[in-house]
Amino acid sequence: TLDVPDRLPSLTGDRALLFEALANLLSNSIKFTPPGGEVILRGVEDGSCTRLEVLDSGPGIPEAERKAVFQRFYRVDDSNSHGGFGLGLSIVAAIVSLHGFKLDVGSSDSGGARLSLDCRPSLIAKD
């Protein structure tokens, strides 16, 4: 389901990389959502910035593993063996960091995963 208002503040960044990040988030949600489940891509205006959320009705990401899923080759131990090499979310994290954005993991209302990409540039100290 696409849940996006008619207008959102524009994003500044590398189009191809941001597309790759969003594609990885959606791919993960689709992979882990059972047949008949739901994946939602939501765009939210947050002040003068855009927040993108991918929500699903899959098994979710255990709270104890929410930071670890962004490490290369890390995979949540699941008995369904969804495959993959554990690189998708680490790539997303690298792209988000490169843009100075923030990525957050939580639970959706249905108990699945909620991955939120806050596109508000953070202040990065430069030497």
N, C-alpha and C. Protein backbone atom coordinates (compact mmCIF):
# COMPACT_ATOMS: atom_id res chain seq x y z
N THR A 1 0.84 -1.17 0.00
CA THR A 1 0.00 0.00 0.00
C THR A 1 0.89 1.24 0.00
N LEU A 2 0.54 2.20 -0.83
CA LEU A 2 1.25 3.47 -0.87
C LEU A 2 0.41 4.50 -0.14
N ASP A 3 0.95 5.10 0.90
CA ASP A 3 0.24 6.08 1.73
C ASP A 3 1.07 7.35 1.76
N VAL A 4 0.87 8.19 0.75
CA VAL A 4 1.67 9.41 0.60
C VAL A 4 0.74 10.58 0.31
N PRO A 5 0.91 11.69 1.02
CA PRO A 5 0.07 12.86 0.72
C PRO A 5 0.40 13.41 -0.66
N ASP A 6 -0.46 14.31 -1.14
CA ASP A 6 -0.25 14.90 -2.47
C ASP A 6 1.08 15.62 -2.58
N ARG A 7 1.52 16.24 -1.51
CA ARG A 7 2.78 17.00 -1.54
C ARG A 7 3.61 16.67 -0.31
N LEU A 8 4.90 16.51 -0.55
CA LEU A 8 5.87 16.33 0.53
C LEU A 8 7.04 17.26 0.25
N PRO A 9 7.74 17.71 1.30
CA PRO A 9 8.95 18.48 1.06
C PRO A 9 9.95 17.65 0.26
N SER A 10 10.65 18.27 -0.65
CA SER A 10 11.61 17.53 -1.48
C SER A 10 12.83 17.13 -0.66
N LEU A 11 13.50 16.09 -1.16
CA LEU A 11 14.71 15.58 -0.51
C LEU A 11 15.92 16.05 -1.30
N THR A 12 17.00 16.27 -0.61
CA THR A 12 18.25 16.59 -1.26
C THR A 12 19.19 15.43 -1.03
N GLY A 13 19.68 14.84 -2.11
CA GLY A 13 20.59 13.72 -1.97
C GLY A 13 20.81 13.04 -3.30
N ASP A 14 21.54 11.96 -3.25
CA ASP A 14 21.83 11.18 -4.45
C ASP A 14 20.62 10.31 -4.77
N ARG A 15 19.98 10.60 -5.89
CA ARG A 15 18.74 9.92 -6.27
C ARG A 15 18.91 8.41 -6.34
N ALA A 16 19.97 7.95 -6.98
CA ALA A 16 20.19 6.51 -7.16
C ALA A 16 20.42 5.81 -5.82
N LEU A 17 21.20 6.43 -4.94
CA LEU A 17 21.47 5.82 -3.64
C LEU A 17 20.22 5.80 -2.76
N LEU A 18 19.46 6.88 -2.76
CA LEU A 18 18.24 6.92 -1.97
C LEU A 18 17.21 5.92 -2.51
N PHE A 19 17.16 5.77 -3.82
CA PHE A 19 16.28 4.75 -4.41
C PHE A 19 16.72 3.36 -3.96
N GLU A 20 18.02 3.11 -3.96
CA GLU A 20 18.57 1.81 -3.52
C GLU A 20 18.20 1.53 -2.06
N ALA A 21 18.31 2.55 -1.22
CA ALA A 21 17.96 2.38 0.20
C ALA A 21 16.49 2.03 0.36
N LEU A 22 15.63 2.77 -0.33
CA LEU A 22 14.20 2.51 -0.23
C LEU A 22 13.85 1.14 -0.81
N ALA A 23 14.47 0.78 -1.91
CA ALA A 23 14.23 -0.54 -2.51
C ALA A 23 14.64 -1.65 -1.56
N ASN A 24 15.76 -1.50 -0.86
CA ASN A 24 16.20 -2.52 0.11
C ASN A 24 15.22 -2.63 1.27
N LEU A 25 14.72 -1.50 1.77
CA LEU A 25 13.75 -1.54 2.87
C LEU A 25 12.47 -2.26 2.43
N LEU A 26 11.98 -1.91 1.24
CA LEU A 26 10.76 -2.55 0.74
C LEU A 26 10.99 -4.04 0.48
N SER A 27 12.13 -4.38 -0.11
CA SER A 27 12.44 -5.78 -0.41
C SER A 27 12.46 -6.62 0.86
N ASN A 28 13.08 -6.10 1.92
CA ASN A 28 13.11 -6.83 3.20
C ASN A 28 11.70 -7.04 3.75
N SER A 29 10.91 -5.99 3.71
CA SER A 29 9.54 -6.10 4.25
C SER A 29 8.73 -7.10 3.46
N ILE A 30 8.85 -7.07 2.14
CA ILE A 30 8.11 -8.02 1.30
C ILE A 30 8.58 -9.44 1.59
N LYS A 31 9.90 -9.62 1.73
CA LYS A 31 10.45 -10.96 1.96
C LYS A 31 9.96 -11.57 3.27
N PHE A 32 9.81 -10.75 4.31
CA PHE A 32 9.47 -11.28 5.63
C PHE A 32 7.98 -11.21 5.95
N THR A 33 7.18 -10.66 5.06
CA THR A 33 5.74 -10.59 5.29
C THR A 33 5.09 -11.83 4.69
N PRO A 34 4.31 -12.54 5.48
CA PRO A 34 3.68 -13.78 4.97
C PRO A 34 2.62 -13.46 3.91
N PRO A 35 2.27 -14.46 3.11
CA PRO A 35 1.20 -14.27 2.12
C PRO A 35 -0.06 -13.74 2.80
N GLY A 36 -0.69 -12.77 2.16
CA GLY A 36 -1.89 -12.17 2.73
C GLY A 36 -1.59 -11.03 3.69
N GLY A 37 -0.30 -10.82 3.99
CA GLY A 37 0.10 -9.73 4.89
C GLY A 37 0.11 -8.40 4.15
N GLU A 38 0.63 -7.38 4.82
CA GLU A 38 0.62 -6.05 4.23
C GLU A 38 1.96 -5.36 4.40
N VAL A 39 2.37 -4.66 3.36
CA VAL A 39 3.54 -3.79 3.39
C VAL A 39 3.06 -2.40 3.01
N ILE A 40 3.42 -1.41 3.80
CA ILE A 40 2.99 -0.03 3.55
C ILE A 40 4.21 0.85 3.37
N LEU A 41 4.21 1.65 2.34
CA LEU A 41 5.21 2.71 2.17
C LEU A 41 4.48 4.01 2.45
N ARG A 42 4.93 4.69 3.50
CA ARG A 42 4.25 5.91 3.94
C ARG A 42 5.22 7.09 3.87
N GLY A 43 4.73 8.18 3.35
CA GLY A 43 5.47 9.43 3.36
C GLY A 43 4.79 10.39 4.32
N VAL A 44 5.56 11.02 5.19
CA VAL A 44 5.00 11.90 6.21
C VAL A 44 5.76 13.21 6.19
N GLU A 45 5.01 14.31 6.23
CA GLU A 45 5.66 15.61 6.38
C GLU A 45 5.91 15.82 7.86
N ASP A 46 7.17 16.02 8.20
CA ASP A 46 7.57 16.19 9.60
C ASP A 46 8.22 17.57 9.71
N GLY A 47 7.40 18.57 10.02
CA GLY A 47 7.91 19.94 9.99
C GLY A 47 8.13 20.33 8.53
N SER A 48 9.33 20.72 8.20
CA SER A 48 9.64 21.07 6.81
C SER A 48 10.41 19.96 6.12
N CYS A 49 10.44 18.79 6.73
CA CYS A 49 11.19 17.66 6.19
C CYS A 49 10.27 16.48 5.90
N THR A 50 10.82 15.52 5.20
CA THR A 50 10.08 14.32 4.85
C THR A 50 10.58 13.14 5.66
N ARG A 51 9.66 12.31 6.11
CA ARG A 51 10.00 11.04 6.75
C ARG A 51 9.36 9.94 5.93
N LEU A 52 10.14 8.94 5.57
CA LEU A 52 9.63 7.79 4.83
C LEU A 52 9.59 6.60 5.78
N GLU A 53 8.48 5.89 5.77
CA GLU A 53 8.32 4.73 6.65
C GLU A 53 7.93 3.52 5.82
N VAL A 54 8.53 2.39 6.14
CA VAL A 54 8.13 1.11 5.57
C VAL A 54 7.64 0.28 6.75
N LEU A 55 6.37 -0.11 6.68
CA LEU A 55 5.74 -0.88 7.75
C LEU A 55 5.26 -2.20 7.17
N ASP A 56 5.34 -3.26 7.95
CA ASP A 56 4.86 -4.54 7.46
C ASP A 56 4.15 -5.32 8.56
N SER A 57 3.52 -6.40 8.15
CA SER A 57 2.81 -7.26 9.10
C SER A 57 3.53 -8.60 9.26
N GLY A 58 4.84 -8.57 9.06
CA GLY A 58 5.66 -9.77 9.25
C GLY A 58 5.95 -10.00 10.72
N PRO A 59 6.98 -10.80 11.01
CA PRO A 59 7.31 -11.14 12.40
C PRO A 59 7.96 -10.00 13.18
N GLY A 60 8.40 -8.96 12.50
CA GLY A 60 9.06 -7.85 13.18
C GLY A 60 10.51 -8.16 13.47
N ILE A 61 11.19 -7.20 14.04
CA ILE A 61 12.60 -7.35 14.42
C ILE A 61 12.66 -7.27 15.93
N PRO A 62 13.14 -8.33 16.58
CA PRO A 62 13.21 -8.32 18.05
C PRO A 62 13.99 -7.09 18.55
N GLU A 63 13.51 -6.50 19.61
CA GLU A 63 14.11 -5.28 20.14
C GLU A 63 15.61 -5.44 20.40
N ALA A 64 16.00 -6.61 20.90
CA ALA A 64 17.42 -6.85 21.22
C ALA A 64 18.30 -6.90 19.97
N GLU A 65 17.70 -7.04 18.79
CA GLU A 65 18.48 -7.17 17.56
C GLU A 65 18.36 -5.95 16.65
N ARG A 66 17.69 -4.92 17.08
CA ARG A 66 17.40 -3.78 16.21
C ARG A 66 18.64 -2.98 15.81
N LYS A 67 19.64 -2.92 16.63
CA LYS A 67 20.89 -2.24 16.23
C LYS A 67 21.76 -3.17 15.39
N ALA A 68 21.76 -4.43 15.72
CA ALA A 68 22.63 -5.39 15.05
C ALA A 68 22.25 -5.61 13.58
N VAL A 69 20.97 -5.42 13.23
CA VAL A 69 20.55 -5.70 11.85
C VAL A 69 21.22 -4.79 10.83
N PHE A 70 21.85 -3.70 11.29
CA PHE A 70 22.52 -2.79 10.37
C PHE A 70 23.99 -3.16 10.16
N GLN A 71 24.47 -4.19 10.83
CA GLN A 71 25.84 -4.67 10.65
C GLN A 71 25.90 -5.59 9.43
N ARG A 72 26.99 -5.47 8.69
CA ARG A 72 27.16 -6.34 7.52
C ARG A 72 27.11 -7.81 7.91
N PHE A 73 26.44 -8.60 7.12
CA PHE A 73 26.32 -10.06 7.24
C PHE A 73 25.47 -10.52 8.42
N TYR A 74 24.89 -9.59 9.18
CA TYR A 74 24.04 -10.00 10.30
C TYR A 74 22.67 -10.39 9.78
N ARG A 75 22.16 -11.50 10.25
CA ARG A 75 20.82 -11.93 9.89
C ARG A 75 20.08 -12.33 11.16
N VAL A 76 18.83 -11.89 11.25
CA VAL A 76 18.00 -12.30 12.38
C VAL A 76 17.78 -13.79 12.25
N ASP A 77 17.95 -14.51 13.34
CA ASP A 77 17.76 -15.96 13.33
C ASP A 77 16.27 -16.25 13.15
N ASP A 78 15.92 -16.72 11.95
CA ASP A 78 14.52 -17.07 11.73
C ASP A 78 14.44 -18.49 11.20
N SER A 79 13.46 -19.20 11.64
CA SER A 79 13.33 -20.61 11.27
C SER A 79 12.83 -20.79 9.84
N ASN A 80 12.36 -19.73 9.21
CA ASN A 80 11.85 -19.84 7.84
C ASN A 80 12.94 -19.71 6.79
N SER A 81 14.16 -19.39 7.19
CA SER A 81 15.29 -19.26 6.28
C SER A 81 14.93 -18.48 5.02
N HIS A 82 14.79 -17.18 5.17
CA HIS A 82 14.43 -16.32 4.06
C HIS A 82 15.59 -16.04 3.11
N GLY A 83 16.74 -16.56 3.42
CA GLY A 83 17.88 -16.37 2.53
C GLY A 83 18.49 -14.99 2.68
N GLY A 84 19.38 -14.67 1.76
CA GLY A 84 20.07 -13.38 1.80
C GLY A 84 21.38 -13.50 2.53
N PHE A 85 22.17 -12.45 2.39
CA PHE A 85 23.51 -12.45 2.98
C PHE A 85 23.64 -11.48 4.15
N GLY A 86 22.57 -10.80 4.51
CA GLY A 86 22.64 -9.86 5.62
C GLY A 86 23.31 -8.56 5.23
N LEU A 87 23.18 -8.16 3.98
CA LEU A 87 23.81 -6.92 3.52
C LEU A 87 22.81 -5.79 3.30
N GLY A 88 21.55 -6.10 3.03
CA GLY A 88 20.57 -5.09 2.65
C GLY A 88 20.46 -3.93 3.63
N LEU A 89 20.24 -4.21 4.90
CA LEU A 89 20.07 -3.14 5.87
C LEU A 89 21.38 -2.43 6.19
N SER A 90 22.52 -3.11 6.04
CA SER A 90 23.80 -2.42 6.25
C SER A 90 24.04 -1.43 5.11
N ILE A 91 23.60 -1.77 3.91
CA ILE A 91 23.71 -0.84 2.79
C ILE A 91 22.80 0.36 3.03
N VAL A 92 21.58 0.11 3.49
CA VAL A 92 20.66 1.20 3.81
C VAL A 92 21.29 2.12 4.86
N ALA A 93 21.84 1.55 5.91
CA ALA A 93 22.45 2.34 6.98
C ALA A 93 23.59 3.20 6.44
N ALA A 94 24.40 2.66 5.55
CA ALA A 94 25.52 3.42 4.98
C ALA A 94 25.01 4.59 4.13
N ILE A 95 23.98 4.35 3.34
CA ILE A 95 23.41 5.41 2.49
C ILE A 95 22.79 6.50 3.35
N VAL A 96 22.06 6.09 4.37
CA VAL A 96 21.42 7.05 5.27
C VAL A 96 22.48 7.89 5.97
N SER A 97 23.53 7.26 6.46
CA SER A 97 24.62 7.97 7.13
C SER A 97 25.31 8.94 6.18
N LEU A 98 25.54 8.51 4.95
CA LEU A 98 26.18 9.36 3.95
C LEU A 98 25.40 10.65 3.73
N HIS A 99 24.09 10.57 3.81
CA HIS A 99 23.23 11.74 3.61
C HIS A 99 23.00 12.54 4.89
N GLY A 100 23.47 12.04 6.01
CA GLY A 100 23.23 12.73 7.28
C GLY A 100 21.82 12.57 7.78
N PHE A 101 21.11 11.55 7.28
CA PHE A 101 19.75 11.28 7.71
C PHE A 101 19.77 10.32 8.90
N LYS A 102 18.60 9.97 9.39
CA LYS A 102 18.49 9.07 10.54
C LYS A 102 17.59 7.90 10.18
N LEU A 103 17.97 6.71 10.62
CA LEU A 103 17.19 5.50 10.38
C LEU A 103 16.78 4.93 11.73
N ASP A 104 15.51 4.60 11.86
CA ASP A 104 15.00 4.08 13.13
C ASP A 104 14.22 2.79 12.86
N VAL A 105 14.34 1.85 13.79
CA VAL A 105 13.63 0.57 13.69
C VAL A 105 12.69 0.45 14.88
N GLY A 106 11.48 0.03 14.61
CA GLY A 106 10.51 -0.18 15.67
C GLY A 106 9.50 -1.22 15.24
N SER A 107 8.35 -1.15 15.84
CA SER A 107 7.26 -2.08 15.52
C SER A 107 6.12 -1.33 14.87
N SER A 108 5.50 -1.97 13.89
CA SER A 108 4.31 -1.40 13.26
C SER A 108 3.10 -1.69 14.15
N ASP A 109 2.00 -1.07 13.84
CA ASP A 109 0.77 -1.31 14.61
C ASP A 109 0.33 -2.77 14.55
N SER A 110 0.71 -3.47 13.46
CA SER A 110 0.31 -4.87 13.30
C SER A 110 1.30 -5.82 13.98
N GLY A 111 2.35 -5.28 14.61
CA GLY A 111 3.33 -6.12 15.28
C GLY A 111 4.53 -6.46 14.42
N GLY A 112 4.49 -6.08 13.14
CA GLY A 112 5.62 -6.30 12.25
C GLY A 112 6.68 -5.23 12.45
N ALA A 113 7.50 -5.06 11.44
CA ALA A 113 8.59 -4.08 11.51
C ALA A 113 8.13 -2.71 11.01
N ARG A 114 8.75 -1.68 11.59
CA ARG A 114 8.61 -0.31 11.10
C ARG A 114 10.00 0.25 10.96
N LEU A 115 10.38 0.56 9.72
CA LEU A 115 11.67 1.19 9.47
C LEU A 115 11.40 2.59 8.98
N SER A 116 11.93 3.56 9.68
CA SER A 116 11.63 4.96 9.43
C SER A 116 12.90 5.69 9.03
N LEU A 117 12.85 6.35 7.88
CA LEU A 117 13.99 7.11 7.37
C LEU A 117 13.65 8.59 7.52
N ASP A 118 14.27 9.24 8.48
CA ASP A 118 14.05 10.65 8.75
C ASP A 118 15.02 11.44 7.87
N CYS A 119 14.48 12.16 6.90
CA CYS A 119 15.32 12.83 5.91
C CYS A 119 15.72 14.24 6.33
N ARG A 120 15.69 14.50 7.61
CA ARG A 120 16.13 15.79 8.13
C ARG A 120 17.65 15.70 8.28
N PRO A 121 18.40 16.49 7.51
CA PRO A 121 19.86 16.40 7.63
C PRO A 121 20.30 16.72 9.06
N SER A 122 21.17 15.89 9.59
CA SER A 122 21.71 16.16 10.92
C SER A 122 22.91 17.08 10.76
N LEU A 123 23.25 17.73 11.82
CA LEU A 123 24.44 18.59 11.77
C LEU A 123 25.66 17.72 11.99
N ILE A 124 26.48 17.63 10.98
CA ILE A 124 27.67 16.81 11.05
C ILE A 124 28.88 17.74 11.21
N ALA A 125 29.60 17.54 12.31
CA ALA A 125 30.78 18.38 12.55
C ALA A 125 31.87 18.01 11.55
N LYS A 126 32.46 19.03 10.95
CA LYS A 126 33.55 18.81 10.00
C LYS A 126 34.79 19.50 10.53
N ASP A 127 35.92 18.83 10.37
CA ASP A 127 37.19 19.42 10.83
C ASP A 127 37.72 20.38 9.81
